[in-house]
Amino acid sequence: MTPDDLRQQIELQIVELIKAKLADGSMTEERAQQASQTVLDSLKPGMSLEELYQAVGRLDDVVQELAPVVLPIMKQYEKEIVQPISANVSALIRQGQYDAAAKLAHKAIASDVKLEWTGSGKPSS
């Protein structure tokens, strides 16, 4: 799955969430427009997977109503990206490869690790 495919799925989930919130009255039309504009400003075609995850993670900072979409995606990111990197760093330390562990940790912190989508076709809910 390409980053653009994932972005489109996320956008679709957000549209469905906004429609549901408008239908049940838990979101005003004005707030829905603000949420939509925030998403359009944040999620752009052609983003790398790293940029996409960073942008998605910030969406509910501005529009808290998007948390039901953002949180499962960030949990999946934690499970499929952060935990494996952490495990690799730990393994390198156990093997006594401290320089390699430090380099990998610094790359991960700097978001300089090449990410590849390995998840399911759709972020978990």
PDB file of N, CA and C in Angstrom:
ATOM      1  N   MET A   1       0.851  -1.169   0.000  1.00  0.00           N
ATOM      2  CA  MET A   1       0.000   0.000   0.000  1.00  0.00           C
ATOM      3  C   MET A   1       0.900   1.236   0.000  1.00  0.00           C
ATOM      4  N   THR A   2       0.613   2.159  -0.884  1.00  0.00           N
ATOM      5  CA  THR A   2       1.410   3.379  -0.973  1.00  0.00           C
ATOM      6  C   THR A   2       0.940   4.385   0.079  1.00  0.00           C
ATOM      7  N   PRO A   3       1.780   5.355   0.391  1.00  0.00           N
ATOM      8  CA  PRO A   3       1.341   6.396   1.322  1.00  0.00           C
ATOM      9  C   PRO A   3       0.086   7.121   0.838  1.00  0.00           C
ATOM     10  N   ASP A   4      -0.037   7.327  -0.476  1.00  0.00           N
ATOM     11  CA  ASP A   4      -1.240   7.987  -0.992  1.00  0.00           C
ATOM     12  C   ASP A   4      -2.480   7.118  -0.805  1.00  0.00           C
ATOM     13  N   ASP A   5      -2.335   5.800  -0.946  1.00  0.00           N
ATOM     14  CA  ASP A   5      -3.467   4.902  -0.687  1.00  0.00           C
ATOM     15  C   ASP A   5      -3.891   5.007   0.773  1.00  0.00           C
ATOM     16  N   LEU A   6      -2.917   4.995   1.665  1.00  0.00           N
ATOM     17  CA  LEU A   6      -3.211   5.109   3.093  1.00  0.00           C
ATOM     18  C   LEU A   6      -3.844   6.462   3.402  1.00  0.00           C
ATOM     19  N   ARG A   7      -3.303   7.524   2.810  1.00  0.00           N
ATOM     20  CA  ARG A   7      -3.863   8.867   3.014  1.00  0.00           C
ATOM     21  C   ARG A   7      -5.328   8.908   2.587  1.00  0.00           C
ATOM     22  N   GLN A   8      -5.625   8.320   1.441  1.00  0.00           N
ATOM     23  CA  GLN A   8      -7.004   8.311   0.955  1.00  0.00           C
ATOM     24  C   GLN A   8      -7.916   7.530   1.895  1.00  0.00           C
ATOM     25  N   GLN A   9      -7.427   6.415   2.427  1.00  0.00           N
ATOM     26  CA  GLN A   9      -8.232   5.646   3.384  1.00  0.00           C
ATOM     27  C   GLN A   9      -8.491   6.454   4.646  1.00  0.00           C
ATOM     28  N   ILE A  10      -7.476   7.146   5.118  1.00  0.00           N
ATOM     29  CA  ILE A  10      -7.631   7.966   6.320  1.00  0.00           C
ATOM     30  C   ILE A  10      -8.632   9.082   6.051  1.00  0.00           C
ATOM     31  N   GLU A  11      -8.498   9.727   4.904  1.00  0.00           N
ATOM     32  CA  GLU A  11      -9.440  10.795   4.553  1.00  0.00           C
ATOM     33  C   GLU A  11     -10.866  10.264   4.486  1.00  0.00           C
ATOM     34  N   LEU A  12     -11.046   9.081   3.917  1.00  0.00           N
ATOM     35  CA  LEU A  12     -12.374   8.480   3.840  1.00  0.00           C
ATOM     36  C   LEU A  12     -12.932   8.204   5.235  1.00  0.00           C
ATOM     37  N   GLN A  13     -12.094   7.671   6.122  1.00  0.00           N
ATOM     38  CA  GLN A  13     -12.540   7.415   7.495  1.00  0.00           C
ATOM     39  C   GLN A  13     -12.941   8.718   8.184  1.00  0.00           C
ATOM     40  N   ILE A  14     -12.189   9.773   7.933  1.00  0.00           N
ATOM     41  CA  ILE A  14     -12.503  11.067   8.549  1.00  0.00           C
ATOM     42  C   ILE A  14     -13.810  11.617   7.998  1.00  0.00           C
ATOM     43  N   VAL A  15     -14.020  11.492   6.691  1.00  0.00           N
ATOM     44  CA  VAL A  15     -15.282  11.943   6.088  1.00  0.00           C
ATOM     45  C   VAL A  15     -16.457  11.198   6.713  1.00  0.00           C
ATOM     46  N   GLU A  16     -16.321   9.877   6.847  1.00  0.00           N
ATOM     47  CA  GLU A  16     -17.397   9.081   7.450  1.00  0.00           C
ATOM     48  C   GLU A  16     -17.649   9.501   8.899  1.00  0.00           C
ATOM     49  N   LEU A  17     -16.586   9.762   9.647  1.00  0.00           N
ATOM     50  CA  LEU A  17     -16.723  10.199  11.035  1.00  0.00           C
ATOM     51  C   LEU A  17     -17.433  11.547  11.111  1.00  0.00           C
ATOM     52  N   ILE A  18     -17.026  12.486  10.272  1.00  0.00           N
ATOM     53  CA  ILE A  18     -17.652  13.810  10.267  1.00  0.00           C
ATOM     54  C   ILE A  18     -19.120  13.703   9.881  1.00  0.00           C
ATOM     55  N   LYS A  19     -19.431  12.892   8.865  1.00  0.00           N
ATOM     56  CA  LYS A  19     -20.834  12.712   8.462  1.00  0.00           C
ATOM     57  C   LYS A  19     -21.660  12.147   9.611  1.00  0.00           C
ATOM     58  N   ALA A  20     -21.113  11.166  10.319  1.00  0.00           N
ATOM     59  CA  ALA A  20     -21.834  10.563  11.448  1.00  0.00           C
ATOM     60  C   ALA A  20     -22.044  11.584  12.560  1.00  0.00           C
ATOM     61  N   LYS A  21     -21.031  12.390  12.838  1.00  0.00           N
ATOM     62  CA  LYS A  21     -21.147  13.395  13.900  1.00  0.00           C
ATOM     63  C   LYS A  21     -22.132  14.495  13.513  1.00  0.00           C
ATOM     64  N   LEU A  22     -22.171  14.851  12.248  1.00  0.00           N
ATOM     65  CA  LEU A  22     -23.162  15.823  11.788  1.00  0.00           C
ATOM     66  C   LEU A  22     -24.567  15.244  11.904  1.00  0.00           C
ATOM     67  N   ALA A  23     -24.709  13.979  11.535  1.00  0.00           N
ATOM     68  CA  ALA A  23     -26.022  13.327  11.573  1.00  0.00           C
ATOM     69  C   ALA A  23     -26.558  13.212  12.990  1.00  0.00           C
ATOM     70  N   ASP A  24     -25.678  12.917  13.955  1.00  0.00           N
ATOM     71  CA  ASP A  24     -26.173  12.767  15.332  1.00  0.00           C
ATOM     72  C   ASP A  24     -26.127  14.076  16.121  1.00  0.00           C
ATOM     73  N   GLY A  25     -25.709  15.151  15.463  1.00  0.00           N
ATOM     74  CA  GLY A  25     -25.730  16.461  16.101  1.00  0.00           C
ATOM     75  C   GLY A  25     -24.569  16.740  17.044  1.00  0.00           C
ATOM     76  N   SER A  26     -23.572  15.872  17.068  1.00  0.00           N
ATOM     77  CA  SER A  26     -22.448  16.083  17.983  1.00  0.00           C
ATOM     78  C   SER A  26     -21.361  16.987  17.385  1.00  0.00           C
ATOM     79  N   MET A  27     -21.579  17.441  16.141  1.00  0.00           N
ATOM     80  CA  MET A  27     -20.641  18.370  15.506  1.00  0.00           C
ATOM     81  C   MET A  27     -21.449  19.375  14.703  1.00  0.00           C
ATOM     82  N   THR A  28     -21.080  20.638  14.820  1.00  0.00           N
ATOM     83  CA  THR A  28     -21.762  21.675  14.051  1.00  0.00           C
ATOM     84  C   THR A  28     -21.213  21.708  12.627  1.00  0.00           C
ATOM     85  N   GLU A  29     -21.961  22.326  11.754  1.00  0.00           N
ATOM     86  CA  GLU A  29     -21.531  22.487  10.364  1.00  0.00           C
ATOM     87  C   GLU A  29     -20.219  23.279  10.306  1.00  0.00           C
ATOM     88  N   GLU A  30     -20.128  24.314  11.115  1.00  0.00           N
ATOM     89  CA  GLU A  30     -18.917  25.142  11.149  1.00  0.00           C
ATOM     90  C   GLU A  30     -17.700  24.327  11.604  1.00  0.00           C
ATOM     91  N   ARG A  31     -17.889  23.524  12.649  1.00  0.00           N
ATOM     92  CA  ARG A  31     -16.789  22.695  13.160  1.00  0.00           C
ATOM     93  C   ARG A  31     -16.408  21.630  12.125  1.00  0.00           C
ATOM     94  N   ALA A  32     -17.389  21.090  11.414  1.00  0.00           N
ATOM     95  CA  ALA A  32     -17.116  20.102  10.371  1.00  0.00           C
ATOM     96  C   ALA A  32     -16.273  20.723   9.261  1.00  0.00           C
ATOM     97  N   GLN A  33     -16.586  21.960   8.896  1.00  0.00           N
ATOM     98  CA  GLN A  33     -15.801  22.646   7.869  1.00  0.00           C
ATOM     99  C   GLN A  33     -14.378  22.897   8.358  1.00  0.00           C
ATOM    100  N   GLN A  34     -14.250  23.280   9.635  1.00  0.00           N
ATOM    101  CA  GLN A  34     -12.926  23.506  10.208  1.00  0.00           C
ATOM    102  C   GLN A  34     -12.121  22.197  10.218  1.00  0.00           C
ATOM    103  N   ALA A  35     -12.765  21.110  10.610  1.00  0.00           N
ATOM    104  CA  ALA A  35     -12.093  19.807  10.645  1.00  0.00           C
ATOM    105  C   ALA A  35     -11.663  19.396   9.237  1.00  0.00           C
ATOM    106  N   SER A  36     -12.552  19.561   8.283  1.00  0.00           N
ATOM    107  CA  SER A  36     -12.241  19.200   6.893  1.00  0.00           C
ATOM    108  C   SER A  36     -11.067  20.012   6.360  1.00  0.00           C
ATOM    109  N   GLN A  37     -11.064  21.307   6.652  1.00  0.00           N
ATOM    110  CA  GLN A  37      -9.976  22.164   6.183  1.00  0.00           C
ATOM    111  C   GLN A  37      -8.652  21.778   6.835  1.00  0.00           C
ATOM    112  N   THR A  38      -8.701  21.440   8.114  1.00  0.00           N
ATOM    113  CA  THR A  38      -7.491  21.001   8.818  1.00  0.00           C
ATOM    114  C   THR A  38      -6.922  19.746   8.166  1.00  0.00           C
ATOM    115  N   VAL A  39      -7.800  18.808   7.833  1.00  0.00           N
ATOM    116  CA  VAL A  39      -7.358  17.565   7.193  1.00  0.00           C
ATOM    117  C   VAL A  39      -6.764  17.866   5.816  1.00  0.00           C
ATOM    118  N   LEU A  40      -7.451  18.690   5.036  1.00  0.00           N
ATOM    119  CA  LEU A  40      -6.950  19.027   3.698  1.00  0.00           C
ATOM    120  C   LEU A  40      -5.612  19.760   3.762  1.00  0.00           C
ATOM    121  N   ASP A  41      -5.445  20.621   4.766  1.00  0.00           N
ATOM    122  CA  ASP A  41      -4.186  21.353   4.925  1.00  0.00           C
ATOM    123  C   ASP A  41      -3.053  20.451   5.399  1.00  0.00           C
ATOM    124  N   SER A  42      -3.392  19.396   6.137  1.00  0.00           N
ATOM    125  CA  SER A  42      -2.379  18.540   6.764  1.00  0.00           C
ATOM    126  C   SER A  42      -1.977  17.343   5.913  1.00  0.00           C
ATOM    127  N   LEU A  43      -2.939  16.713   5.264  1.00  0.00           N
ATOM    128  CA  LEU A  43      -2.682  15.490   4.498  1.00  0.00           C
ATOM    129  C   LEU A  43      -2.644  15.833   3.014  1.00  0.00           C
ATOM    130  N   LYS A  44      -1.456  15.782   2.451  1.00  0.00           N
ATOM    131  CA  LYS A  44      -1.252  16.183   1.059  1.00  0.00           C
ATOM    132  C   LYS A  44      -0.838  14.986   0.209  1.00  0.00           C
ATOM    133  N   PRO A  45      -1.279  14.952  -1.044  1.00  0.00           N
ATOM    134  CA  PRO A  45      -0.799  13.904  -1.950  1.00  0.00           C
ATOM    135  C   PRO A  45       0.721  13.973  -2.068  1.00  0.00           C
ATOM    136  N   GLY A  46       1.332  12.806  -2.201  1.00  0.00           N
ATOM    137  CA  GLY A  46       2.773  12.744  -2.390  1.00  0.00           C
ATOM    138  C   GLY A  46       3.597  12.741  -1.115  1.00  0.00           C
ATOM    139  N   MET A  47       2.938  12.732   0.043  1.00  0.00           N
ATOM    140  CA  MET A  47       3.681  12.683   1.307  1.00  0.00           C
ATOM    141  C   MET A  47       4.344  11.317   1.449  1.00  0.00           C
ATOM    142  N   SER A  48       5.489  11.302   2.118  1.00  0.00           N
ATOM    143  CA  SER A  48       6.108  10.019   2.446  1.00  0.00           C
ATOM    144  C   SER A  48       5.324   9.405   3.604  1.00  0.00           C
ATOM    145  N   LEU A  49       5.561   8.139   3.861  1.00  0.00           N
ATOM    146  CA  LEU A  49       4.889   7.474   4.973  1.00  0.00           C
ATOM    147  C   LEU A  49       5.248   8.150   6.297  1.00  0.00           C
ATOM    148  N   GLU A  50       6.507   8.557   6.437  1.00  0.00           N
ATOM    149  CA  GLU A  50       6.947   9.243   7.645  1.00  0.00           C
ATOM    150  C   GLU A  50       6.173  10.540   7.845  1.00  0.00           C
ATOM    151  N   GLU A  51       6.089  11.346   6.778  1.00  0.00           N
ATOM    152  CA  GLU A  51       5.370  12.622   6.846  1.00  0.00           C
ATOM    153  C   GLU A  51       3.891  12.403   7.137  1.00  0.00           C
ATOM    154  N   LEU A  52       3.322  11.377   6.525  1.00  0.00           N
ATOM    155  CA  LEU A  52       1.909  11.080   6.726  1.00  0.00           C
ATOM    156  C   LEU A  52       1.619  10.734   8.183  1.00  0.00           C
ATOM    157  N   TYR A  53       2.420   9.844   8.761  1.00  0.00           N
ATOM    158  CA  TYR A  53       2.217   9.483  10.167  1.00  0.00           C
ATOM    159  C   TYR A  53       2.377  10.695  11.077  1.00  0.00           C
ATOM    160  N   GLN A  54       3.353  11.547  10.790  1.00  0.00           N
ATOM    161  CA  GLN A  54       3.543  12.743  11.612  1.00  0.00           C
ATOM    162  C   GLN A  54       2.332  13.663  11.513  1.00  0.00           C
ATOM    163  N   ALA A  55       1.823  13.840  10.301  1.00  0.00           N
ATOM    164  CA  ALA A  55       0.669  14.714  10.098  1.00  0.00           C
ATOM    165  C   ALA A  55      -0.587  14.144  10.755  1.00  0.00           C
ATOM    166  N   VAL A  56      -0.804  12.847  10.604  1.00  0.00           N
ATOM    167  CA  VAL A  56      -1.981  12.212  11.212  1.00  0.00           C
ATOM    168  C   VAL A  56      -1.926  12.355  12.729  1.00  0.00           C
ATOM    169  N   GLY A  57      -0.742  12.186  13.297  1.00  0.00           N
ATOM    170  CA  GLY A  57      -0.589  12.287  14.744  1.00  0.00           C
ATOM    171  C   GLY A  57      -0.921  13.659  15.296  1.00  0.00           C
ATOM    172  N   ARG A  58      -0.856  14.682  14.453  1.00  0.00           N
ATOM    173  CA  ARG A  58      -1.171  16.048  14.891  1.00  0.00           C
ATOM    174  C   ARG A  58      -2.629  16.440  14.657  1.00  0.00           C
ATOM    175  N   LEU A  59      -3.365  15.661  13.879  1.00  0.00           N
ATOM    176  CA  LEU A  59      -4.733  16.055  13.534  1.00  0.00           C
ATOM    177  C   LEU A  59      -5.625  16.254  14.751  1.00  0.00           C
ATOM    178  N   ASP A  60      -5.569  15.320  15.703  1.00  0.00           N
ATOM    179  CA  ASP A  60      -6.467  15.455  16.848  1.00  0.00           C
ATOM    180  C   ASP A  60      -5.944  16.447  17.887  1.00  0.00           C
ATOM    181  N   ASP A  61      -4.758  17.012  17.659  1.00  0.00           N
ATOM    182  CA  ASP A  61      -4.302  18.114  18.506  1.00  0.00           C
ATOM    183  C   ASP A  61      -5.143  19.355  18.228  1.00  0.00           C
ATOM    184  N   VAL A  62      -5.532  19.520  16.973  1.00  0.00           N
ATOM    185  CA  VAL A  62      -6.302  20.679  16.540  1.00  0.00           C
ATOM    186  C   VAL A  62      -7.802  20.389  16.584  1.00  0.00           C
ATOM    187  N   VAL A  63      -8.181  19.200  16.151  1.00  0.00           N
ATOM    188  CA  VAL A  63      -9.596  18.815  16.085  1.00  0.00           C
ATOM    189  C   VAL A  63      -9.757  17.520  16.884  1.00  0.00           C
ATOM    190  N   GLN A  64     -10.077  17.665  18.160  1.00  0.00           N
ATOM    191  CA  GLN A  64     -10.161  16.513  19.055  1.00  0.00           C
ATOM    192  C   GLN A  64     -11.203  15.493  18.602  1.00  0.00           C
ATOM    193  N   GLU A  65     -12.194  15.933  17.865  1.00  0.00           N
ATOM    194  CA  GLU A  65     -13.237  15.030  17.389  1.00  0.00           C
ATOM    195  C   GLU A  65     -12.694  13.959  16.438  1.00  0.00           C
ATOM    196  N   LEU A  66     -11.497  14.153  15.921  1.00  0.00           N
ATOM    197  CA  LEU A  66     -10.903  13.187  14.992  1.00  0.00           C
ATOM    198  C   LEU A  66     -10.177  12.050  15.703  1.00  0.00           C
ATOM    199  N   ALA A  67     -10.125  12.093  17.010  1.00  0.00           N
ATOM    200  CA  ALA A  67      -9.412  11.065  17.785  1.00  0.00           C
ATOM    201  C   ALA A  67      -9.860   9.637  17.456  1.00  0.00           C
ATOM    202  N   PRO A  68     -11.156   9.369  17.228  1.00  0.00           N
ATOM    203  CA  PRO A  68     -11.544   7.987  16.905  1.00  0.00           C
ATOM    204  C   PRO A  68     -10.895   7.443  15.629  1.00  0.00           C
ATOM    205  N   VAL A  69     -10.453   8.304  14.746  1.00  0.00           N
ATOM    206  CA  VAL A  69      -9.737   7.866  13.548  1.00  0.00           C
ATOM    207  C   VAL A  69      -8.227   7.882  13.806  1.00  0.00           C
ATOM    208  N   VAL A  70      -7.748   8.918  14.464  1.00  0.00           N
ATOM    209  CA  VAL A  70      -6.306   9.100  14.669  1.00  0.00           C
ATOM    210  C   VAL A  70      -5.721   8.049  15.609  1.00  0.00           C
ATOM    211  N   LEU A  71      -6.367   7.797  16.726  1.00  0.00           N
ATOM    212  CA  LEU A  71      -5.792   6.900  17.736  1.00  0.00           C
ATOM    213  C   LEU A  71      -5.519   5.489  17.223  1.00  0.00           C
ATOM    214  N   PRO A  72      -6.443   4.841  16.507  1.00  0.00           N
ATOM    215  CA  PRO A  72      -6.122   3.502  15.985  1.00  0.00           C
ATOM    216  C   PRO A  72      -4.939   3.509  15.010  1.00  0.00           C
ATOM    217  N   ILE A  73      -4.816   4.562  14.226  1.00  0.00           N
ATOM    218  CA  ILE A  73      -3.702   4.654  13.281  1.00  0.00           C
ATOM    219  C   ILE A  73      -2.389   4.805  14.038  1.00  0.00           C
ATOM    220  N   MET A  74      -2.403   5.620  15.082  1.00  0.00           N
ATOM    221  CA  MET A  74      -1.182   5.820  15.863  1.00  0.00           C
ATOM    222  C   MET A  74      -0.828   4.570  16.674  1.00  0.00           C
ATOM    223  N   LYS A  75      -1.838   3.831  17.120  1.00  0.00           N
ATOM    224  CA  LYS A  75      -1.567   2.558  17.802  1.00  0.00           C
ATOM    225  C   LYS A  75      -0.912   1.578  16.835  1.00  0.00           C
ATOM    226  N   GLN A  76      -1.404   1.546  15.603  1.00  0.00           N
ATOM    227  CA  GLN A  76      -0.823   0.668  14.593  1.00  0.00           C
ATOM    228  C   GLN A  76       0.610   1.103  14.282  1.00  0.00           C
ATOM    229  N   TYR A  77       0.855   2.396  14.213  1.00  0.00           N
ATOM    230  CA  TYR A  77       2.206   2.919  14.001  1.00  0.00           C
ATOM    231  C   TYR A  77       3.127   2.461  15.128  1.00  0.00           C
ATOM    232  N   GLU A  78       2.652   2.581  16.354  1.00  0.00           N
ATOM    233  CA  GLU A  78       3.434   2.139  17.516  1.00  0.00           C
ATOM    234  C   GLU A  78       3.770   0.654  17.407  1.00  0.00           C
ATOM    235  N   LYS A  79       2.776  -0.146  17.039  1.00  0.00           N
ATOM    236  CA  LYS A  79       2.946  -1.599  16.974  1.00  0.00           C
ATOM    237  C   LYS A  79       3.860  -2.025  15.826  1.00  0.00           C
ATOM    238  N   GLU A  80       3.698  -1.408  14.671  1.00  0.00           N
ATOM    239  CA  GLU A  80       4.385  -1.886  13.475  1.00  0.00           C
ATOM    240  C   GLU A  80       5.666  -1.131  13.131  1.00  0.00           C
ATOM    241  N   ILE A  81       5.868   0.028  13.729  1.00  0.00           N
ATOM    242  CA  ILE A  81       7.066   0.807  13.424  1.00  0.00           C
ATOM    243  C   ILE A  81       7.931   0.991  14.672  1.00  0.00           C
ATOM    244  N   VAL A  82       7.352   1.574  15.705  1.00  0.00           N
ATOM    245  CA  VAL A  82       8.138   1.921  16.893  1.00  0.00           C
ATOM    246  C   VAL A  82       8.631   0.683  17.630  1.00  0.00           C
ATOM    247  N   GLN A  83       7.749  -0.261  17.898  1.00  0.00           N
ATOM    248  CA  GLN A  83       8.152  -1.450  18.651  1.00  0.00           C
ATOM    249  C   GLN A  83       9.233  -2.269  17.938  1.00  0.00           C
ATOM    250  N   PRO A  84       9.130  -2.513  16.624  1.00  0.00           N
ATOM    251  CA  PRO A  84      10.213  -3.246  15.957  1.00  0.00           C
ATOM    252  C   PRO A  84      11.559  -2.506  16.006  1.00  0.00           C
ATOM    253  N   ILE A  85      11.531  -1.187  15.852  1.00  0.00           N
ATOM    254  CA  ILE A  85      12.782  -0.429  15.939  1.00  0.00           C
ATOM    255  C   ILE A  85      13.357  -0.542  17.344  1.00  0.00           C
ATOM    256  N   SER A  86      12.494  -0.406  18.336  1.00  0.00           N
ATOM    257  CA  SER A  86      12.931  -0.534  19.727  1.00  0.00           C
ATOM    258  C   SER A  86      13.522  -1.921  19.985  1.00  0.00           C
ATOM    259  N   ALA A  87      12.882  -2.943  19.442  1.00  0.00           N
ATOM    260  CA  ALA A  87      13.385  -4.311  19.608  1.00  0.00           C
ATOM    261  C   ALA A  87      14.747  -4.473  18.934  1.00  0.00           C
ATOM    262  N   ASN A  88      14.909  -3.864  17.757  1.00  0.00           N
ATOM    263  CA  ASN A  88      16.200  -3.935  17.059  1.00  0.00           C
ATOM    264  C   ASN A  88      17.298  -3.233  17.852  1.00  0.00           C
ATOM    265  N   VAL A  89      16.974  -2.077  18.419  1.00  0.00           N
ATOM    266  CA  VAL A  89      17.956  -1.356  19.239  1.00  0.00           C
ATOM    267  C   VAL A  89      18.336  -2.204  20.446  1.00  0.00           C
ATOM    268  N   SER A  90      17.338  -2.797  21.104  1.00  0.00           N
ATOM    269  CA  SER A  90      17.602  -3.651  22.270  1.00  0.00           C
ATOM    270  C   SER A  90      18.471  -4.849  21.895  1.00  0.00           C
ATOM    271  N   ALA A  91      18.178  -5.458  20.751  1.00  0.00           N
ATOM    272  CA  ALA A  91      18.961  -6.618  20.308  1.00  0.00           C
ATOM    273  C   ALA A  91      20.413  -6.224  20.037  1.00  0.00           C
ATOM    274  N   LEU A  92      20.602  -5.072  19.415  1.00  0.00           N
ATOM    275  CA  LEU A  92      21.965  -4.604  19.150  1.00  0.00           C
ATOM    276  C   LEU A  92      22.720  -4.355  20.456  1.00  0.00           C
ATOM    277  N   ILE A  93      22.035  -3.809  21.442  1.00  0.00           N
ATOM    278  CA  ILE A  93      22.670  -3.568  22.743  1.00  0.00           C
ATOM    279  C   ILE A  93      23.058  -4.891  23.391  1.00  0.00           C
ATOM    280  N   ARG A  94      22.153  -5.874  23.353  1.00  0.00           N
ATOM    281  CA  ARG A  94      22.449  -7.191  23.936  1.00  0.00           C
ATOM    282  C   ARG A  94      23.641  -7.856  23.252  1.00  0.00           C
ATOM    283  N   GLN A  95      23.818  -7.568  21.964  1.00  0.00           N
ATOM    284  CA  GLN A  95      24.940  -8.137  21.209  1.00  0.00           C
ATOM    285  C   GLN A  95      26.226  -7.331  21.395  1.00  0.00           C
ATOM    286  N   GLY A  96      26.129  -6.250  22.165  1.00  0.00           N
ATOM    287  CA  GLY A  96      27.305  -5.422  22.402  1.00  0.00           C
ATOM    288  C   GLY A  96      27.614  -4.446  21.283  1.00  0.00           C
ATOM    289  N   GLN A  97      26.691  -4.285  20.347  1.00  0.00           N
ATOM    290  CA  GLN A  97      26.890  -3.370  19.217  1.00  0.00           C
ATOM    291  C   GLN A  97      26.317  -1.994  19.577  1.00  0.00           C
ATOM    292  N   TYR A  98      26.971  -1.343  20.511  1.00  0.00           N
ATOM    293  CA  TYR A  98      26.459  -0.093  21.065  1.00  0.00           C
ATOM    294  C   TYR A  98      26.423   1.044  20.047  1.00  0.00           C
ATOM    295  N   ASP A  99      27.444   1.140  19.211  1.00  0.00           N
ATOM    296  CA  ASP A  99      27.459   2.200  18.199  1.00  0.00           C
ATOM    297  C   ASP A  99      26.311   2.029  17.210  1.00  0.00           C
ATOM    298  N   ALA A 100      26.101   0.801  16.754  1.00  0.00           N
ATOM    299  CA  ALA A 100      25.007   0.529  15.815  1.00  0.00           C
ATOM    300  C   ALA A 100      23.660   0.810  16.475  1.00  0.00           C
ATOM    301  N   ALA A 101      23.523   0.444  17.746  1.00  0.00           N
ATOM    302  CA  ALA A 101      22.277   0.700  18.479  1.00  0.00           C
ATOM    303  C   ALA A 101      22.039   2.197  18.611  1.00  0.00           C
ATOM    304  N   ALA A 102      23.081   2.932  18.937  1.00  0.00           N
ATOM    305  CA  ALA A 102      22.956   4.389  19.083  1.00  0.00           C
ATOM    306  C   ALA A 102      22.596   5.040  17.753  1.00  0.00           C
ATOM    307  N   LYS A 103      23.230   4.590  16.661  1.00  0.00           N
ATOM    308  CA  LYS A 103      22.929   5.151  15.342  1.00  0.00           C
ATOM    309  C   LYS A 103      21.478   4.891  14.954  1.00  0.00           C
ATOM    310  N   LEU A 104      21.015   3.657  15.169  1.00  0.00           N
ATOM    311  CA  LEU A 104      19.632   3.321  14.834  1.00  0.00           C
ATOM    312  C   LEU A 104      18.662   4.131  15.686  1.00  0.00           C
ATOM    313  N   ALA A 105      18.951   4.263  16.960  1.00  0.00           N
ATOM    314  CA  ALA A 105      18.078   5.042  17.845  1.00  0.00           C
ATOM    315  C   ALA A 105      18.032   6.504  17.413  1.00  0.00           C
ATOM    316  N   HIS A 106      19.181   7.069  17.067  1.00  0.00           N
ATOM    317  CA  HIS A 106      19.219   8.464  16.609  1.00  0.00           C
ATOM    318  C   HIS A 106      18.448   8.636  15.306  1.00  0.00           C
ATOM    319  N   LYS A 107      18.594   7.678  14.382  1.00  0.00           N
ATOM    320  CA  LYS A 107      17.844   7.743  13.127  1.00  0.00           C
ATOM    321  C   LYS A 107      16.342   7.678  13.390  1.00  0.00           C
ATOM    322  N   ALA A 108      15.945   6.796  14.292  1.00  0.00           N
ATOM    323  CA  ALA A 108      14.522   6.654  14.604  1.00  0.00           C
ATOM    324  C   ALA A 108      13.975   7.935  15.217  1.00  0.00           C
ATOM    325  N   ILE A 109      14.726   8.515  16.128  1.00  0.00           N
ATOM    326  CA  ILE A 109      14.290   9.757  16.771  1.00  0.00           C
ATOM    327  C   ILE A 109      14.199  10.880  15.751  1.00  0.00           C
ATOM    328  N   ALA A 110      15.129  10.912  14.823  1.00  0.00           N
ATOM    329  CA  ALA A 110      15.135  11.945  13.788  1.00  0.00           C
ATOM    330  C   ALA A 110      14.167  11.615  12.653  1.00  0.00           C
ATOM    331  N   SER A 111      13.437  10.516  12.782  1.00  0.00           N
ATOM    332  CA  SER A 111      12.515  10.049  11.737  1.00  0.00           C
ATOM    333  C   SER A 111      13.246   9.842  10.421  1.00  0.00           C
ATOM    334  N   ASP A 112      14.473   9.358  10.518  1.00  0.00           N
ATOM    335  CA  ASP A 112      15.297   9.133   9.344  1.00  0.00           C
ATOM    336  C   ASP A 112      15.330   7.655   8.968  1.00  0.00           C
ATOM    337  N   VAL A 113      14.469   6.867   9.594  1.00  0.00           N
ATOM    338  CA  VAL A 113      14.392   5.447   9.283  1.00  0.00           C
ATOM    339  C   VAL A 113      13.368   5.293   8.167  1.00  0.00           C
ATOM    340  N   LYS A 114      13.714   4.595   7.115  1.00  0.00           N
ATOM    341  CA  LYS A 114      12.804   4.399   5.989  1.00  0.00           C
ATOM    342  C   LYS A 114      11.649   3.510   6.422  1.00  0.00           C
ATOM    343  N   LEU A 115      10.429   4.045   6.337  1.00  0.00           N
ATOM    344  CA  LEU A 115       9.251   3.287   6.731  1.00  0.00           C
ATOM    345  C   LEU A 115       8.625   2.632   5.519  1.00  0.00           C
ATOM    346  N   GLU A 116       8.088   1.444   5.730  1.00  0.00           N
ATOM    347  CA  GLU A 116       7.337   0.736   4.706  1.00  0.00           C
ATOM    348  C   GLU A 116       6.046   0.264   5.315  1.00  0.00           C
ATOM    349  N   TRP A 117       4.956   0.434   4.596  1.00  0.00           N
ATOM    350  CA  TRP A 117       3.663  -0.013   5.097  1.00  0.00           C
ATOM    351  C   TRP A 117       3.636  -1.528   5.081  1.00  0.00           C
ATOM    352  N   THR A 118       3.421  -2.126   6.250  1.00  0.00           N
ATOM    353  CA  THR A 118       3.333  -3.578   6.338  1.00  0.00           C
ATOM    354  C   THR A 118       2.034  -3.995   6.992  1.00  0.00           C
ATOM    355  N   GLY A 119       1.172  -3.028   7.242  1.00  0.00           N
ATOM    356  CA  GLY A 119      -0.070  -3.303   7.955  1.00  0.00           C
ATOM    357  C   GLY A 119      -1.122  -3.891   7.053  1.00  0.00           C
ATOM    358  N   SER A 120      -2.282  -4.045   7.624  1.00  0.00           N
ATOM    359  CA  SER A 120      -3.424  -4.540   6.874  1.00  0.00           C
ATOM    360  C   SER A 120      -3.833  -3.482   5.864  1.00  0.00           C
ATOM    361  N   GLY A 121      -4.744  -3.834   4.995  1.00  0.00           N
ATOM    362  CA  GLY A 121      -5.204  -2.898   3.987  1.00  0.00           C
ATOM    363  C   GLY A 121      -5.878  -1.688   4.561  1.00  0.00           C
ATOM    364  N   LYS A 122      -6.339  -1.783   5.790  1.00  0.00           N
ATOM    365  CA  LYS A 122      -7.080  -0.695   6.411  1.00  0.00           C
ATOM    366  C   LYS A 122      -6.612  -0.564   7.855  1.00  0.00           C
ATOM    367  N   PRO A 123      -6.305   0.664   8.307  1.00  0.00           N
ATOM    368  CA  PRO A 123      -5.921   0.818   9.705  1.00  0.00           C
ATOM    369  C   PRO A 123      -7.001   0.268  10.622  1.00  0.00           C
ATOM    370  N   SER A 124      -6.572  -0.339  11.719  1.00  0.00           N
ATOM    371  CA  SER A 124      -7.525  -0.961  12.638  1.00  0.00           C
ATOM    372  C   SER A 124      -8.385   0.084  13.311  1.00  0.00           C
ATOM    373  N   SER A 125      -9.578  -0.335  13.705  1.00  0.00           N
ATOM    374  CA  SER A 125     -10.507   0.598  14.348  1.00  0.00           C
ATOM    375  C   SER A 125     -10.564   0.361  15.819  1.00  0.00           C
TER     376      SER A 125
END
